[in-house]
Amino acid sequence: MAVLRDIVEEALFEARPYVEYYDRLRGEVFSLLKDVNSLEELISKVEAAVLEAEEPFKTDLRIFLQKLESLHEGHP
């Protein structure tokens, strides 16, 4: 779980310059993180959150998701 948290922290760090509502994004992501056991599960939860969110927060979630997926490619 510590590795997953590190990946999330890195994705948040990389997304931060591009998102409008960073604190909200961080809170949402860590809320989702409590309910998952793998990076794949977290990606699925974030994808579902994107579908439910409204703009402009939806864009923030998409940016985070892109960063998370790019980090996922480097962590099997």
PDB file of N, CA and C in Angstrom:
ATOM      1  N   MET A   1       0.824  -1.198   0.000  1.00  0.00           N
ATOM      2  CA  MET A   1       0.000   0.000   0.000  1.00  0.00           C
ATOM      3  C   MET A   1       0.868   1.263   0.000  1.00  0.00           C
ATOM      4  N   ALA A   2       2.047   1.184   0.641  1.00  0.00           N
ATOM      5  CA  ALA A   2       2.945   2.338   0.670  1.00  0.00           C
ATOM      6  C   ALA A   2       3.431   2.680  -0.728  1.00  0.00           C
ATOM      7  N   VAL A   3       3.670   1.656  -1.548  1.00  0.00           N
ATOM      8  CA  VAL A   3       4.102   1.894  -2.926  1.00  0.00           C
ATOM      9  C   VAL A   3       2.994   2.597  -3.700  1.00  0.00           C
ATOM     10  N   LEU A   4       1.758   2.158  -3.505  1.00  0.00           N
ATOM     11  CA  LEU A   4       0.614   2.776  -4.177  1.00  0.00           C
ATOM     12  C   LEU A   4       0.477   4.239  -3.757  1.00  0.00           C
ATOM     13  N   ARG A   5       0.626   4.504  -2.480  1.00  0.00           N
ATOM     14  CA  ARG A   5       0.547   5.885  -1.991  1.00  0.00           C
ATOM     15  C   ARG A   5       1.662   6.740  -2.602  1.00  0.00           C
ATOM     16  N   ASP A   6       2.859   6.186  -2.724  1.00  0.00           N
ATOM     17  CA  ASP A   6       3.971   6.914  -3.341  1.00  0.00           C
ATOM     18  C   ASP A   6       3.670   7.256  -4.796  1.00  0.00           C
ATOM     19  N   ILE A   7       3.067   6.318  -5.515  1.00  0.00           N
ATOM     20  CA  ILE A   7       2.705   6.557  -6.914  1.00  0.00           C
ATOM     21  C   ILE A   7       1.657   7.664  -6.998  1.00  0.00           C
ATOM     22  N   VAL A   8       0.676   7.623  -6.108  1.00  0.00           N
ATOM     23  CA  VAL A   8      -0.364   8.656  -6.076  1.00  0.00           C
ATOM     24  C   VAL A   8       0.253  10.017  -5.772  1.00  0.00           C
ATOM     25  N   GLU A   9       1.141  10.067  -4.800  1.00  0.00           N
ATOM     26  CA  GLU A   9       1.809  11.331  -4.457  1.00  0.00           C
ATOM     27  C   GLU A   9       2.582  11.881  -5.655  1.00  0.00           C
ATOM     28  N   GLU A  10       3.262  11.001  -6.373  1.00  0.00           N
ATOM     29  CA  GLU A  10       4.023  11.436  -7.545  1.00  0.00           C
ATOM     30  C   GLU A  10       3.095  11.954  -8.639  1.00  0.00           C
ATOM     31  N   ALA A  11       1.987  11.262  -8.871  1.00  0.00           N
ATOM     32  CA  ALA A  11       1.023  11.705  -9.886  1.00  0.00           C
ATOM     33  C   ALA A  11       0.409  13.046  -9.498  1.00  0.00           C
ATOM     34  N   LEU A  12       0.094  13.224  -8.226  1.00  0.00           N
ATOM     35  CA  LEU A  12      -0.437  14.511  -7.763  1.00  0.00           C
ATOM     36  C   LEU A  12       0.595  15.621  -7.943  1.00  0.00           C
ATOM     37  N   PHE A  13       1.847  15.326  -7.623  1.00  0.00           N
ATOM     38  CA  PHE A  13       2.920  16.304  -7.788  1.00  0.00           C
ATOM     39  C   PHE A  13       3.042  16.726  -9.254  1.00  0.00           C
ATOM     40  N   GLU A  14       2.996  15.751 -10.157  1.00  0.00           N
ATOM     41  CA  GLU A  14       3.120  16.051 -11.584  1.00  0.00           C
ATOM     42  C   GLU A  14       1.899  16.792 -12.121  1.00  0.00           C
ATOM     43  N   ALA A  15       0.732  16.534 -11.560  1.00  0.00           N
ATOM     44  CA  ALA A  15      -0.499  17.171 -12.037  1.00  0.00           C
ATOM     45  C   ALA A  15      -0.687  18.576 -11.470  1.00  0.00           C
ATOM     46  N   ARG A  16      -0.096  18.840 -10.332  1.00  0.00           N
ATOM     47  CA  ARG A  16      -0.360  20.085  -9.598  1.00  0.00           C
ATOM     48  C   ARG A  16      -0.276  21.362 -10.439  1.00  0.00           C
ATOM     49  N   PRO A  17       0.739  21.545 -11.274  1.00  0.00           N
ATOM     50  CA  PRO A  17       0.805  22.803 -12.029  1.00  0.00           C
ATOM     51  C   PRO A  17      -0.347  22.993 -13.025  1.00  0.00           C
ATOM     52  N   TYR A  18      -1.049  21.926 -13.338  1.00  0.00           N
ATOM     53  CA  TYR A  18      -2.054  21.974 -14.397  1.00  0.00           C
ATOM     54  C   TYR A  18      -3.490  21.959 -13.897  1.00  0.00           C
ATOM     55  N   VAL A  19      -3.699  21.715 -12.606  1.00  0.00           N
ATOM     56  CA  VAL A  19      -5.065  21.592 -12.101  1.00  0.00           C
ATOM     57  C   VAL A  19      -5.501  22.863 -11.388  1.00  0.00           C
ATOM     58  N   GLU A  20      -6.806  23.099 -11.418  1.00  0.00           N
ATOM     59  CA  GLU A  20      -7.370  24.303 -10.822  1.00  0.00           C
ATOM     60  C   GLU A  20      -7.725  24.105  -9.347  1.00  0.00           C
ATOM     61  N   TYR A  21      -8.193  22.907  -9.016  1.00  0.00           N
ATOM     62  CA  TYR A  21      -8.667  22.622  -7.660  1.00  0.00           C
ATOM     63  C   TYR A  21      -7.819  21.524  -7.024  1.00  0.00           C
ATOM     64  N   TYR A  22      -6.572  21.838  -6.757  1.00  0.00           N
ATOM     65  CA  TYR A  22      -5.628  20.830  -6.264  1.00  0.00           C
ATOM     66  C   TYR A  22      -6.066  20.218  -4.933  1.00  0.00           C
ATOM     67  N   ASP A  23      -6.471  21.036  -3.983  1.00  0.00           N
ATOM     68  CA  ASP A  23      -6.846  20.506  -2.667  1.00  0.00           C
ATOM     69  C   ASP A  23      -8.046  19.571  -2.773  1.00  0.00           C
ATOM     70  N   ARG A  24      -9.006  19.939  -3.582  1.00  0.00           N
ATOM     71  CA  ARG A  24     -10.176  19.079  -3.795  1.00  0.00           C
ATOM     72  C   ARG A  24      -9.755  17.773  -4.466  1.00  0.00           C
ATOM     73  N   LEU A  25      -8.888  17.878  -5.462  1.00  0.00           N
ATOM     74  CA  LEU A  25      -8.401  16.692  -6.165  1.00  0.00           C
ATOM     75  C   LEU A  25      -7.673  15.762  -5.203  1.00  0.00           C
ATOM     76  N   ARG A  26      -6.795  16.315  -4.411  1.00  0.00           N
ATOM     77  CA  ARG A  26      -6.035  15.508  -3.448  1.00  0.00           C
ATOM     78  C   ARG A  26      -6.980  14.791  -2.478  1.00  0.00           C
ATOM     79  N   GLY A  27      -7.961  15.516  -1.975  1.00  0.00           N
ATOM     80  CA  GLY A  27      -8.930  14.915  -1.058  1.00  0.00           C
ATOM     81  C   GLY A  27      -9.716  13.794  -1.706  1.00  0.00           C
ATOM     82  N   GLU A  28     -10.164  14.020  -2.914  1.00  0.00           N
ATOM     83  CA  GLU A  28     -10.926  12.997  -3.650  1.00  0.00           C
ATOM     84  C   GLU A  28     -10.075  11.759  -3.904  1.00  0.00           C
ATOM     85  N   VAL A  29      -8.853  11.970  -4.333  1.00  0.00           N
ATOM     86  CA  VAL A  29      -7.963  10.845  -4.651  1.00  0.00           C
ATOM     87  C   VAL A  29      -7.666  10.023  -3.399  1.00  0.00           C
ATOM     88  N   PHE A  30      -7.378  10.676  -2.288  1.00  0.00           N
ATOM     89  CA  PHE A  30      -7.078   9.921  -1.072  1.00  0.00           C
ATOM     90  C   PHE A  30      -8.321   9.254  -0.498  1.00  0.00           C
ATOM     91  N   SER A  31      -9.481   9.821  -0.756  1.00  0.00           N
ATOM     92  CA  SER A  31     -10.725   9.155  -0.375  1.00  0.00           C
ATOM     93  C   SER A  31     -10.901   7.866  -1.177  1.00  0.00           C
ATOM     94  N   LEU A  32     -10.630   7.932  -2.472  1.00  0.00           N
ATOM     95  CA  LEU A  32     -10.721   6.748  -3.329  1.00  0.00           C
ATOM     96  C   LEU A  32      -9.657   5.721  -2.959  1.00  0.00           C
ATOM     97  N   LEU A  33      -8.503   6.192  -2.575  1.00  0.00           N
ATOM     98  CA  LEU A  33      -7.380   5.308  -2.252  1.00  0.00           C
ATOM     99  C   LEU A  33      -7.696   4.386  -1.071  1.00  0.00           C
ATOM    100  N   LYS A  34      -8.550   4.844  -0.167  1.00  0.00           N
ATOM    101  CA  LYS A  34      -8.918   4.038   1.002  1.00  0.00           C
ATOM    102  C   LYS A  34      -9.639   2.749   0.614  1.00  0.00           C
ATOM    103  N   ASP A  35     -10.300   2.759  -0.545  1.00  0.00           N
ATOM    104  CA  ASP A  35     -11.156   1.641  -0.950  1.00  0.00           C
ATOM    105  C   ASP A  35     -10.526   0.717  -1.980  1.00  0.00           C
ATOM    106  N   VAL A  36      -9.235   0.877  -2.257  1.00  0.00           N
ATOM    107  CA  VAL A  36      -8.607   0.060  -3.305  1.00  0.00           C
ATOM    108  C   VAL A  36      -7.377  -0.667  -2.775  1.00  0.00           C
ATOM    109  N   ASN A  37      -7.011  -1.727  -3.494  1.00  0.00           N
ATOM    110  CA  ASN A  37      -5.837  -2.511  -3.118  1.00  0.00           C
ATOM    111  C   ASN A  37      -4.781  -2.546  -4.211  1.00  0.00           C
ATOM    112  N   SER A  38      -5.077  -1.925  -5.355  1.00  0.00           N
ATOM    113  CA  SER A  38      -4.121  -1.956  -6.460  1.00  0.00           C
ATOM    114  C   SER A  38      -4.235  -0.679  -7.279  1.00  0.00           C
ATOM    115  N   LEU A  39      -3.221  -0.447  -8.071  1.00  0.00           N
ATOM    116  CA  LEU A  39      -3.212   0.712  -8.957  1.00  0.00           C
ATOM    117  C   LEU A  39      -4.315   0.601 -10.001  1.00  0.00           C
ATOM    118  N   GLU A  40      -4.561  -0.602 -10.487  1.00  0.00           N
ATOM    119  CA  GLU A  40      -5.616  -0.819 -11.478  1.00  0.00           C
ATOM    120  C   GLU A  40      -6.985  -0.453 -10.904  1.00  0.00           C
ATOM    121  N   GLU A  41      -7.229  -0.837  -9.661  1.00  0.00           N
ATOM    122  CA  GLU A  41      -8.498  -0.495  -9.006  1.00  0.00           C
ATOM    123  C   GLU A  41      -8.635   1.018  -8.854  1.00  0.00           C
ATOM    124  N   LEU A  42      -7.551   1.683  -8.491  1.00  0.00           N
ATOM    125  CA  LEU A  42      -7.593   3.131  -8.334  1.00  0.00           C
ATOM    126  C   LEU A  42      -7.880   3.804  -9.668  1.00  0.00           C
ATOM    127  N   ILE A  43      -7.238   3.348 -10.717  1.00  0.00           N
ATOM    128  CA  ILE A  43      -7.491   3.912 -12.047  1.00  0.00           C
ATOM    129  C   ILE A  43      -8.966   3.761 -12.405  1.00  0.00           C
ATOM    130  N   SER A  44      -9.548   2.609 -12.139  1.00  0.00           N
ATOM    131  CA  SER A  44     -10.971   2.382 -12.415  1.00  0.00           C
ATOM    132  C   SER A  44     -11.849   3.335 -11.610  1.00  0.00           C
ATOM    133  N   LYS A  45     -11.511   3.531 -10.342  1.00  0.00           N
ATOM    134  CA  LYS A  45     -12.287   4.444  -9.488  1.00  0.00           C
ATOM    135  C   LYS A  45     -12.182   5.888  -9.986  1.00  0.00           C
ATOM    136  N   VAL A  46     -10.990   6.288 -10.406  1.00  0.00           N
ATOM    137  CA  VAL A  46     -10.814   7.653 -10.918  1.00  0.00           C
ATOM    138  C   VAL A  46     -11.578   7.812 -12.231  1.00  0.00           C
ATOM    139  N   GLU A  47     -11.547   6.799 -13.087  1.00  0.00           N
ATOM    140  CA  GLU A  47     -12.322   6.853 -14.333  1.00  0.00           C
ATOM    141  C   GLU A  47     -13.809   7.025 -14.039  1.00  0.00           C
ATOM    142  N   ALA A  48     -14.317   6.319 -13.047  1.00  0.00           N
ATOM    143  CA  ALA A  48     -15.725   6.454 -12.658  1.00  0.00           C
ATOM    144  C   ALA A  48     -16.003   7.853 -12.114  1.00  0.00           C
ATOM    145  N   ALA A  49     -15.075   8.394 -11.338  1.00  0.00           N
ATOM    146  CA  ALA A  49     -15.233   9.741 -10.791  1.00  0.00           C
ATOM    147  C   ALA A  49     -15.258  10.784 -11.902  1.00  0.00           C
ATOM    148  N   VAL A  50     -14.470  10.568 -12.949  1.00  0.00           N
ATOM    149  CA  VAL A  50     -14.460  11.481 -14.099  1.00  0.00           C
ATOM    150  C   VAL A  50     -15.849  11.524 -14.726  1.00  0.00           C
ATOM    151  N   LEU A  51     -16.476  10.378 -14.870  1.00  0.00           N
ATOM    152  CA  LEU A  51     -17.803  10.312 -15.488  1.00  0.00           C
ATOM    153  C   LEU A  51     -18.857  11.048 -14.665  1.00  0.00           C
ATOM    154  N   GLU A  52     -18.690  11.064 -13.356  1.00  0.00           N
ATOM    155  CA  GLU A  52     -19.674  11.691 -12.470  1.00  0.00           C
ATOM    156  C   GLU A  52     -19.406  13.172 -12.223  1.00  0.00           C
ATOM    157  N   ALA A  53     -18.186  13.607 -12.402  1.00  0.00           N
ATOM    158  CA  ALA A  53     -17.801  14.984 -12.070  1.00  0.00           C
ATOM    159  C   ALA A  53     -18.297  15.965 -13.127  1.00  0.00           C
ATOM    160  N   GLU A  54     -18.378  17.217 -12.691  1.00  0.00           N
ATOM    161  CA  GLU A  54     -18.729  18.300 -13.606  1.00  0.00           C
ATOM    162  C   GLU A  54     -17.497  19.168 -13.828  1.00  0.00           C
ATOM    163  N   GLU A  55     -17.497  19.847 -14.970  1.00  0.00           N
ATOM    164  CA  GLU A  55     -16.400  20.767 -15.266  1.00  0.00           C
ATOM    165  C   GLU A  55     -16.435  21.915 -14.273  1.00  0.00           C
ATOM    166  N   PRO A  56     -15.326  22.476 -13.911  1.00  0.00           N
ATOM    167  CA  PRO A  56     -13.967  22.238 -14.377  1.00  0.00           C
ATOM    168  C   PRO A  56     -13.235  21.133 -13.605  1.00  0.00           C
ATOM    169  N   PHE A  57     -13.853  20.598 -12.536  1.00  0.00           N
ATOM    170  CA  PHE A  57     -13.173  19.567 -11.748  1.00  0.00           C
ATOM    171  C   PHE A  57     -12.950  18.295 -12.554  1.00  0.00           C
ATOM    172  N   LYS A  58     -13.833  18.039 -13.503  1.00  0.00           N
ATOM    173  CA  LYS A  58     -13.681  16.859 -14.369  1.00  0.00           C
ATOM    174  C   LYS A  58     -12.331  16.903 -15.086  1.00  0.00           C
ATOM    175  N   THR A  59     -11.944  18.080 -15.540  1.00  0.00           N
ATOM    176  CA  THR A  59     -10.658  18.240 -16.219  1.00  0.00           C
ATOM    177  C   THR A  59      -9.502  17.956 -15.262  1.00  0.00           C
ATOM    178  N   ASP A  60      -9.619  18.405 -14.026  1.00  0.00           N
ATOM    179  CA  ASP A  60      -8.575  18.122 -13.033  1.00  0.00           C
ATOM    180  C   ASP A  60      -8.419  16.617 -12.834  1.00  0.00           C
ATOM    181  N   LEU A  61      -9.531  15.907 -12.741  1.00  0.00           N
ATOM    182  CA  LEU A  61      -9.479  14.449 -12.591  1.00  0.00           C
ATOM    183  C   LEU A  61      -8.838  13.791 -13.808  1.00  0.00           C
ATOM    184  N   ARG A  62      -9.162  14.286 -14.986  1.00  0.00           N
ATOM    185  CA  ARG A  62      -8.572  13.726 -16.213  1.00  0.00           C
ATOM    186  C   ARG A  62      -7.060  13.926 -16.240  1.00  0.00           C
ATOM    187  N   ILE A  63      -6.624  15.104 -15.851  1.00  0.00           N
ATOM    188  CA  ILE A  63      -5.185  15.390 -15.814  1.00  0.00           C
ATOM    189  C   ILE A  63      -4.495  14.440 -14.839  1.00  0.00           C
ATOM    190  N   PHE A  64      -5.073  14.284 -13.651  1.00  0.00           N
ATOM    191  CA  PHE A  64      -4.499  13.355 -12.675  1.00  0.00           C
ATOM    192  C   PHE A  64      -4.480  11.938 -13.233  1.00  0.00           C
ATOM    193  N   LEU A  65      -5.560  11.535 -13.871  1.00  0.00           N
ATOM    194  CA  LEU A  65      -5.650  10.188 -14.434  1.00  0.00           C
ATOM    195  C   LEU A  65      -4.558   9.955 -15.473  1.00  0.00           C
ATOM    196  N   GLN A  66      -4.303  10.942 -16.317  1.00  0.00           N
ATOM    197  CA  GLN A  66      -3.233  10.814 -17.312  1.00  0.00           C
ATOM    198  C   GLN A  66      -1.883  10.609 -16.632  1.00  0.00           C
ATOM    199  N   LYS A  67      -1.619  11.388 -15.599  1.00  0.00           N
ATOM    200  CA  LYS A  67      -0.353  11.256 -14.871  1.00  0.00           C
ATOM    201  C   LYS A  67      -0.267   9.894 -14.192  1.00  0.00           C
ATOM    202  N   LEU A  68      -1.363   9.448 -13.601  1.00  0.00           N
ATOM    203  CA  LEU A  68      -1.391   8.157 -12.918  1.00  0.00           C
ATOM    204  C   LEU A  68      -1.158   7.015 -13.899  1.00  0.00           C
ATOM    205  N   GLU A  69      -1.811   7.086 -15.045  1.00  0.00           N
ATOM    206  CA  GLU A  69      -1.644   6.030 -16.051  1.00  0.00           C
ATOM    207  C   GLU A  69      -0.223   6.003 -16.595  1.00  0.00           C
ATOM    208  N   SER A  70       0.387   7.167 -16.773  1.00  0.00           N
ATOM    209  CA  SER A  70       1.763   7.177 -17.280  1.00  0.00           C
ATOM    210  C   SER A  70       2.720   6.576 -16.247  1.00  0.00           C
ATOM    211  N   LEU A  71       2.459   6.799 -14.977  1.00  0.00           N
ATOM    212  CA  LEU A  71       3.284   6.188 -13.930  1.00  0.00           C
ATOM    213  C   LEU A  71       3.009   4.690 -13.831  1.00  0.00           C
ATOM    214  N   HIS A  72       1.777   4.302 -14.105  1.00  0.00           N
ATOM    215  CA  HIS A  72       1.392   2.883 -14.058  1.00  0.00           C
ATOM    216  C   HIS A  72       2.192   2.078 -15.082  1.00  0.00           C
ATOM    217  N   GLU A  73       2.467   2.676 -16.218  1.00  0.00           N
ATOM    218  CA  GLU A  73       3.234   1.987 -17.263  1.00  0.00           C
ATOM    219  C   GLU A  73       4.630   1.617 -16.763  1.00  0.00           C
ATOM    220  N   GLY A  74       5.145   2.379 -15.821  1.00  0.00           N
ATOM    221  CA  GLY A  74       6.474   2.103 -15.288  1.00  0.00           C
ATOM    222  C   GLY A  74       6.480   1.212 -14.056  1.00  0.00           C
ATOM    223  N   HIS A  75       5.277   0.842 -13.564  1.00  0.00           N
ATOM    224  CA  HIS A  75       5.153  -0.009 -12.367  1.00  0.00           C
ATOM    225  C   HIS A  75       4.216  -1.167 -12.664  1.00  0.00           C
ATOM    226  N   PRO A  76       4.742  -2.344 -12.900  1.00  0.00           N
ATOM    227  CA  PRO A  76       3.872  -3.489 -13.225  1.00  0.00           C
ATOM    228  C   PRO A  76       2.985  -3.900 -12.069  1.00  0.00           C
TER     229      PRO A  76
END
